[in-house]
């Protein structure tokens, strides 16, 4: 019986496990972004990025891909893209809120400075 971990297909256990870890890490990034835990987010992002680089190297080593492998990889990449889009949306909303708070703070400081002038 052939060992599935050396079969060289996209659904073999090693690559499938790496994709699962990358998707899980993306879900965790989304939760960290929603909680505005940006330092933890940055650390998790670096870890996920390293994992994605390993996946890229493994997939590159499998080229050319069979139709089945291409379909499996495309599905996993689509899941990652969707999660990335959600993460980006949360990050952009947080950035906008922070910029709005900074603008209010700046206006308040200007008003206080004008009020305190003799």
N, C-alpha and C. Protein backbone atom coordinates (compact mmCIF):
# COMPACT_ATOMS: atom_id res chain seq x y z
N UNK A 1 0.84 -1.18 0.00
CA UNK A 1 0.00 0.00 0.00
C UNK A 1 0.88 1.24 0.00
N UNK A 2 0.57 2.23 -0.82
CA UNK A 2 1.39 3.45 -0.94
C UNK A 2 1.20 4.34 0.27
N UNK A 3 2.27 5.02 0.65
CA UNK A 3 2.23 5.98 1.75
C UNK A 3 1.66 7.29 1.23
N UNK A 4 0.50 7.72 1.77
CA UNK A 4 -0.15 8.94 1.29
C UNK A 4 0.71 10.18 1.45
N UNK A 5 1.58 10.22 2.44
CA UNK A 5 2.38 11.42 2.68
C UNK A 5 3.43 11.64 1.61
N UNK A 6 3.70 10.67 0.77
CA UNK A 6 4.68 10.83 -0.29
C UNK A 6 4.06 10.71 -1.67
N UNK A 7 2.75 10.80 -1.74
CA UNK A 7 2.08 10.59 -3.01
C UNK A 7 2.25 11.75 -3.98
N UNK A 8 2.63 12.94 -3.47
CA UNK A 8 2.85 14.07 -4.35
C UNK A 8 1.59 14.72 -4.86
N UNK A 9 0.48 14.53 -4.18
CA UNK A 9 -0.76 15.19 -4.59
C UNK A 9 -1.12 16.28 -3.59
N UNK A 10 -1.96 17.21 -4.04
CA UNK A 10 -2.32 18.35 -3.22
C UNK A 10 -3.11 17.96 -1.98
N UNK A 11 -3.73 16.80 -1.99
CA UNK A 11 -4.50 16.41 -0.82
C UNK A 11 -3.72 15.44 0.08
N UNK A 12 -2.38 15.30 -0.19
CA UNK A 12 -1.62 14.44 0.70
C UNK A 12 -1.57 15.08 2.09
N UNK A 13 -1.27 14.29 3.07
CA UNK A 13 -1.44 14.73 4.45
C UNK A 13 -0.58 15.94 4.82
N UNK A 14 0.65 16.02 4.36
CA UNK A 14 1.53 17.13 4.74
C UNK A 14 1.02 18.46 4.18
N UNK A 15 0.73 18.50 2.89
CA UNK A 15 0.25 19.74 2.28
C UNK A 15 -1.14 20.10 2.80
N UNK A 16 -2.00 19.12 2.93
CA UNK A 16 -3.34 19.38 3.46
C UNK A 16 -3.25 19.94 4.88
N UNK A 17 -2.34 19.39 5.68
CA UNK A 17 -2.15 19.87 7.04
C UNK A 17 -1.64 21.32 7.04
N UNK A 18 -0.72 21.63 6.12
CA UNK A 18 -0.20 23.00 6.04
C UNK A 18 -1.30 23.98 5.64
N UNK A 19 -2.11 23.59 4.67
CA UNK A 19 -3.23 24.47 4.28
C UNK A 19 -4.20 24.64 5.44
N UNK A 20 -4.49 23.57 6.16
CA UNK A 20 -5.39 23.68 7.32
C UNK A 20 -4.83 24.61 8.37
N UNK A 21 -3.52 24.52 8.61
CA UNK A 21 -2.88 25.43 9.57
C UNK A 21 -2.93 26.87 9.10
N UNK A 22 -2.74 27.09 7.81
CA UNK A 22 -2.78 28.45 7.27
C UNK A 22 -4.19 29.03 7.37
N UNK A 23 -5.19 28.22 7.11
CA UNK A 23 -6.58 28.68 7.22
C UNK A 23 -6.92 28.96 8.69
N UNK A 24 -6.48 28.08 9.57
CA UNK A 24 -6.70 28.30 11.01
C UNK A 24 -6.00 29.58 11.46
N UNK A 25 -4.77 29.79 11.01
CA UNK A 25 -4.03 31.00 11.37
C UNK A 25 -4.74 32.25 10.85
N UNK A 26 -5.35 32.14 9.68
CA UNK A 26 -6.09 33.28 9.11
C UNK A 26 -7.33 33.58 9.94
N UNK A 27 -8.02 32.54 10.42
CA UNK A 27 -9.17 32.75 11.31
C UNK A 27 -8.70 33.44 12.60
N UNK A 28 -7.57 33.02 13.12
CA UNK A 28 -7.03 33.64 14.33
C UNK A 28 -6.66 35.09 14.08
N UNK A 29 -6.09 35.38 12.90
CA UNK A 29 -5.77 36.77 12.55
C UNK A 29 -7.04 37.62 12.52
N UNK A 30 -8.09 37.07 11.97
CA UNK A 30 -9.35 37.79 11.91
C UNK A 30 -9.86 38.11 13.31
N UNK A 31 -9.79 37.14 14.21
CA UNK A 31 -10.23 37.37 15.59
C UNK A 31 -9.34 38.41 16.29
N UNK A 32 -8.04 38.35 16.06
CA UNK A 32 -7.13 39.33 16.66
C UNK A 32 -7.41 40.73 16.12
N UNK A 33 -7.70 40.82 14.83
CA UNK A 33 -8.02 42.13 14.24
C UNK A 33 -9.32 42.67 14.82
N UNK A 34 -10.32 41.82 14.95
CA UNK A 34 -11.59 42.26 15.53
C UNK A 34 -11.41 42.72 16.97
N UNK A 35 -10.49 42.09 17.69
CA UNK A 35 -10.23 42.46 19.09
C UNK A 35 -9.21 43.62 19.19
N UNK A 36 -8.72 44.07 18.04
CA UNK A 36 -7.72 45.14 17.96
C UNK A 36 -6.47 44.82 18.79
N UNK A 37 -6.06 43.58 18.72
CA UNK A 37 -4.84 43.12 19.40
C UNK A 37 -3.73 43.09 18.35
N UNK A 38 -3.24 44.29 17.98
CA UNK A 38 -2.36 44.44 16.83
C UNK A 38 -0.97 43.86 17.04
N UNK A 39 -0.45 43.87 18.25
CA UNK A 39 0.86 43.26 18.48
C UNK A 39 0.78 41.74 18.30
N UNK A 40 -0.26 41.13 18.85
CA UNK A 40 -0.47 39.70 18.66
C UNK A 40 -0.74 39.39 17.20
N UNK A 41 -1.48 40.28 16.55
CA UNK A 41 -1.78 40.14 15.13
C UNK A 41 -0.49 40.11 14.32
N UNK A 42 0.41 41.03 14.61
CA UNK A 42 1.67 41.10 13.86
C UNK A 42 2.48 39.81 14.02
N UNK A 43 2.56 39.29 15.22
CA UNK A 43 3.30 38.05 15.47
C UNK A 43 2.65 36.88 14.71
N UNK A 44 1.33 36.78 14.80
CA UNK A 44 0.61 35.71 14.11
C UNK A 44 0.74 35.85 12.59
N UNK A 45 0.73 37.08 12.11
CA UNK A 45 0.86 37.34 10.68
C UNK A 45 2.21 36.82 10.17
N UNK A 46 3.28 37.08 10.92
CA UNK A 46 4.61 36.61 10.51
C UNK A 46 4.65 35.08 10.47
N UNK A 47 4.03 34.44 11.45
CA UNK A 47 4.01 32.98 11.49
C UNK A 47 3.23 32.42 10.30
N UNK A 48 2.08 33.04 10.01
CA UNK A 48 1.27 32.57 8.89
C UNK A 48 2.01 32.80 7.57
N UNK A 49 2.69 33.93 7.46
CA UNK A 49 3.44 34.23 6.25
C UNK A 49 4.52 33.18 5.99
N UNK A 50 5.22 32.78 7.04
CA UNK A 50 6.24 31.74 6.89
C UNK A 50 5.60 30.42 6.44
N UNK A 51 4.45 30.10 6.98
CA UNK A 51 3.74 28.89 6.59
C UNK A 51 3.32 28.96 5.12
N UNK A 52 2.82 30.11 4.70
CA UNK A 52 2.41 30.28 3.30
C UNK A 52 3.60 30.16 2.36
N UNK A 53 4.76 30.61 2.79
CA UNK A 53 5.96 30.46 1.96
C UNK A 53 6.33 28.98 1.81
N UNK A 54 6.19 28.21 2.89
CA UNK A 54 6.46 26.77 2.81
C UNK A 54 5.46 26.09 1.87
N UNK A 55 4.19 26.49 1.96
CA UNK A 55 3.17 25.93 1.06
C UNK A 55 3.52 26.26 -0.38
N UNK A 56 3.91 27.49 -0.64
CA UNK A 56 4.27 27.91 -1.99
C UNK A 56 5.42 27.07 -2.53
N UNK A 57 6.43 26.85 -1.70
CA UNK A 57 7.58 26.04 -2.14
C UNK A 57 7.15 24.61 -2.44
N UNK A 58 6.29 24.05 -1.61
CA UNK A 58 5.83 22.68 -1.83
C UNK A 58 4.99 22.57 -3.09
N UNK A 59 4.09 23.52 -3.30
CA UNK A 59 3.25 23.49 -4.50
C UNK A 59 4.12 23.70 -5.74
N UNK A 60 5.08 24.59 -5.66
CA UNK A 60 5.98 24.82 -6.80
C UNK A 60 6.72 23.53 -7.16
N UNK A 61 7.10 22.77 -6.14
CA UNK A 61 7.78 21.50 -6.37
C UNK A 61 6.88 20.46 -7.01
N UNK A 62 5.58 20.66 -6.95
CA UNK A 62 4.64 19.70 -7.54
C UNK A 62 4.32 20.01 -9.00
N UNK A 63 4.78 21.15 -9.50
CA UNK A 63 4.44 21.56 -10.87
C UNK A 63 4.98 20.56 -11.89
N UNK A 64 4.28 20.33 -12.97
CA UNK A 64 2.94 20.83 -13.30
C UNK A 64 1.88 20.09 -12.48
N UNK A 65 0.82 20.81 -12.19
CA UNK A 65 -0.25 20.25 -11.37
C UNK A 65 -1.27 19.48 -12.21
N UNK A 66 -1.77 18.43 -11.64
CA UNK A 66 -2.89 17.72 -12.28
C UNK A 66 -4.14 18.57 -12.10
N UNK A 67 -5.18 18.24 -12.84
CA UNK A 67 -6.45 18.97 -12.68
C UNK A 67 -6.98 18.84 -11.26
N UNK A 68 -6.87 17.65 -10.68
CA UNK A 68 -7.36 17.42 -9.32
C UNK A 68 -6.57 18.27 -8.32
N UNK A 69 -5.24 18.27 -8.44
CA UNK A 69 -4.41 19.07 -7.54
C UNK A 69 -4.72 20.55 -7.69
N UNK A 70 -4.87 20.99 -8.92
CA UNK A 70 -5.17 22.39 -9.19
C UNK A 70 -6.50 22.79 -8.55
N UNK A 71 -7.49 21.93 -8.63
CA UNK A 71 -8.81 22.22 -8.05
C UNK A 71 -8.72 22.29 -6.52
N UNK A 72 -8.00 21.35 -5.93
CA UNK A 72 -7.86 21.33 -4.47
C UNK A 72 -7.13 22.59 -3.99
N UNK A 73 -6.02 22.91 -4.65
CA UNK A 73 -5.24 24.08 -4.25
C UNK A 73 -6.04 25.36 -4.47
N UNK A 74 -6.76 25.44 -5.59
CA UNK A 74 -7.59 26.63 -5.86
C UNK A 74 -8.64 26.84 -4.78
N UNK A 75 -9.25 25.74 -4.32
CA UNK A 75 -10.27 25.85 -3.27
C UNK A 75 -9.65 26.39 -1.98
N UNK A 76 -8.49 25.86 -1.61
CA UNK A 76 -7.83 26.31 -0.38
C UNK A 76 -7.38 27.76 -0.50
N UNK A 77 -6.86 28.13 -1.65
CA UNK A 77 -6.44 29.51 -1.86
C UNK A 77 -7.62 30.47 -1.82
N UNK A 78 -8.77 30.02 -2.36
CA UNK A 78 -9.97 30.85 -2.31
C UNK A 78 -10.40 31.09 -0.86
N UNK A 79 -10.33 30.05 -0.04
CA UNK A 79 -10.66 30.21 1.39
C UNK A 79 -9.72 31.23 2.03
N UNK A 80 -8.44 31.15 1.72
CA UNK A 80 -7.47 32.09 2.28
C UNK A 80 -7.74 33.51 1.78
N UNK A 81 -8.07 33.66 0.50
CA UNK A 81 -8.40 34.99 -0.04
C UNK A 81 -9.60 35.60 0.66
N UNK A 82 -10.64 34.80 0.86
CA UNK A 82 -11.84 35.30 1.53
C UNK A 82 -11.53 35.75 2.95
N UNK A 83 -10.74 34.97 3.66
CA UNK A 83 -10.34 35.37 5.01
C UNK A 83 -9.50 36.64 4.98
N UNK A 84 -8.58 36.71 4.02
CA UNK A 84 -7.76 37.92 3.91
C UNK A 84 -8.61 39.15 3.63
N UNK A 85 -9.63 39.01 2.79
CA UNK A 85 -10.54 40.12 2.52
C UNK A 85 -11.24 40.58 3.80
N UNK A 86 -11.68 39.62 4.60
CA UNK A 86 -12.33 39.96 5.87
C UNK A 86 -11.36 40.66 6.82
N UNK A 87 -10.13 40.16 6.89
CA UNK A 87 -9.11 40.77 7.75
C UNK A 87 -8.84 42.19 7.29
N UNK A 88 -8.70 42.39 5.99
CA UNK A 88 -8.45 43.72 5.44
C UNK A 88 -9.59 44.68 5.77
N UNK A 89 -10.82 44.22 5.66
CA UNK A 89 -11.97 45.06 5.98
C UNK A 89 -11.94 45.50 7.44
N UNK A 90 -11.67 44.56 8.34
CA UNK A 90 -11.61 44.89 9.77
C UNK A 90 -10.47 45.88 10.03
N UNK A 91 -9.32 45.64 9.43
CA UNK A 91 -8.17 46.52 9.63
C UNK A 91 -8.44 47.94 9.11
N UNK A 92 -9.08 48.02 7.94
CA UNK A 92 -9.40 49.33 7.38
C UNK A 92 -10.40 50.08 8.25
N UNK A 93 -11.40 49.38 8.78
CA UNK A 93 -12.37 50.02 9.67
C UNK A 93 -11.69 50.52 10.94
N UNK A 94 -10.77 49.73 11.47
CA UNK A 94 -10.04 50.14 12.66
C UNK A 94 -9.17 51.35 12.37
N UNK A 95 -8.53 51.35 11.23
CA UNK A 95 -7.68 52.48 10.84
C UNK A 95 -8.52 53.75 10.70
N UNK A 96 -9.68 53.63 10.06
CA UNK A 96 -10.56 54.79 9.89
C UNK A 96 -11.02 55.33 11.24
N UNK A 97 -11.38 54.42 12.14
CA UNK A 97 -11.82 54.84 13.47
C UNK A 97 -10.69 55.54 14.22
N UNK A 98 -9.49 55.00 14.11
CA UNK A 98 -8.34 55.61 14.78
C UNK A 98 -8.04 56.98 14.21
N UNK A 99 -8.09 57.10 12.89
CA UNK A 99 -7.85 58.41 12.26
C UNK A 99 -8.92 59.42 12.68
N UNK A 100 -10.16 58.97 12.80
CA UNK A 100 -11.23 59.85 13.25
C UNK A 100 -11.00 60.33 14.67
N UNK A 101 -10.55 59.42 15.53
CA UNK A 101 -10.24 59.80 16.92
C UNK A 101 -9.08 60.79 16.97
N UNK A 102 -8.07 60.59 16.14
CA UNK A 102 -6.94 61.51 16.10
C UNK A 102 -7.37 62.89 15.63
N UNK A 103 -8.25 62.93 14.63
CA UNK A 103 -8.74 64.21 14.13
C UNK A 103 -9.53 64.95 15.20
N UNK A 104 -10.37 64.23 15.96
CA UNK A 104 -11.12 64.85 17.05
C UNK A 104 -10.18 65.38 18.12
N UNK A 105 -9.16 64.58 18.45
CA UNK A 105 -8.18 64.99 19.46
C UNK A 105 -7.45 66.25 19.01
N UNK A 106 -7.06 66.30 17.75
CA UNK A 106 -6.37 67.47 17.20
C UNK A 106 -7.27 68.70 17.28
N UNK A 107 -8.53 68.54 16.92
CA UNK A 107 -9.47 69.66 16.99
C UNK A 107 -9.67 70.13 18.42
N UNK A 108 -9.76 69.19 19.34
CA UNK A 108 -9.92 69.54 20.75
C UNK A 108 -8.70 70.29 21.26
N UNK A 109 -7.53 69.86 20.88
CA UNK A 109 -6.30 70.56 21.31
C UNK A 109 -6.24 71.97 20.75
N UNK A 110 -6.64 72.13 19.49
CA UNK A 110 -6.66 73.47 18.88
C UNK A 110 -7.66 74.36 19.62
N UNK A 111 -8.81 73.81 19.95
CA UNK A 111 -9.83 74.60 20.66
C UNK A 111 -9.32 74.99 22.04
N UNK A 112 -8.68 74.08 22.73
CA UNK A 112 -8.13 74.39 24.05
C UNK A 112 -7.03 75.44 23.96
N UNK A 113 -6.19 75.32 22.96
CA UNK A 113 -5.11 76.29 22.77
C UNK A 113 -5.69 77.67 22.47
N UNK A 114 -6.72 77.74 21.64
CA UNK A 114 -7.35 79.02 21.31
C UNK A 114 -8.05 79.60 22.54
N UNK A 115 -8.68 78.77 23.32
CA UNK A 115 -9.38 79.22 24.52
C UNK A 115 -8.42 79.73 25.57
N UNK A 116 -7.26 79.14 25.66
CA UNK A 116 -6.28 79.52 26.68
C UNK A 116 -5.43 80.71 26.29
N UNK A 117 -5.55 81.24 25.08
CA UNK A 117 -4.79 82.42 24.68
C UNK A 117 -5.34 83.64 25.41
N UNK A 118 -4.43 84.52 25.86
CA UNK A 118 -4.89 85.73 26.58
C UNK A 118 -5.60 86.72 25.69
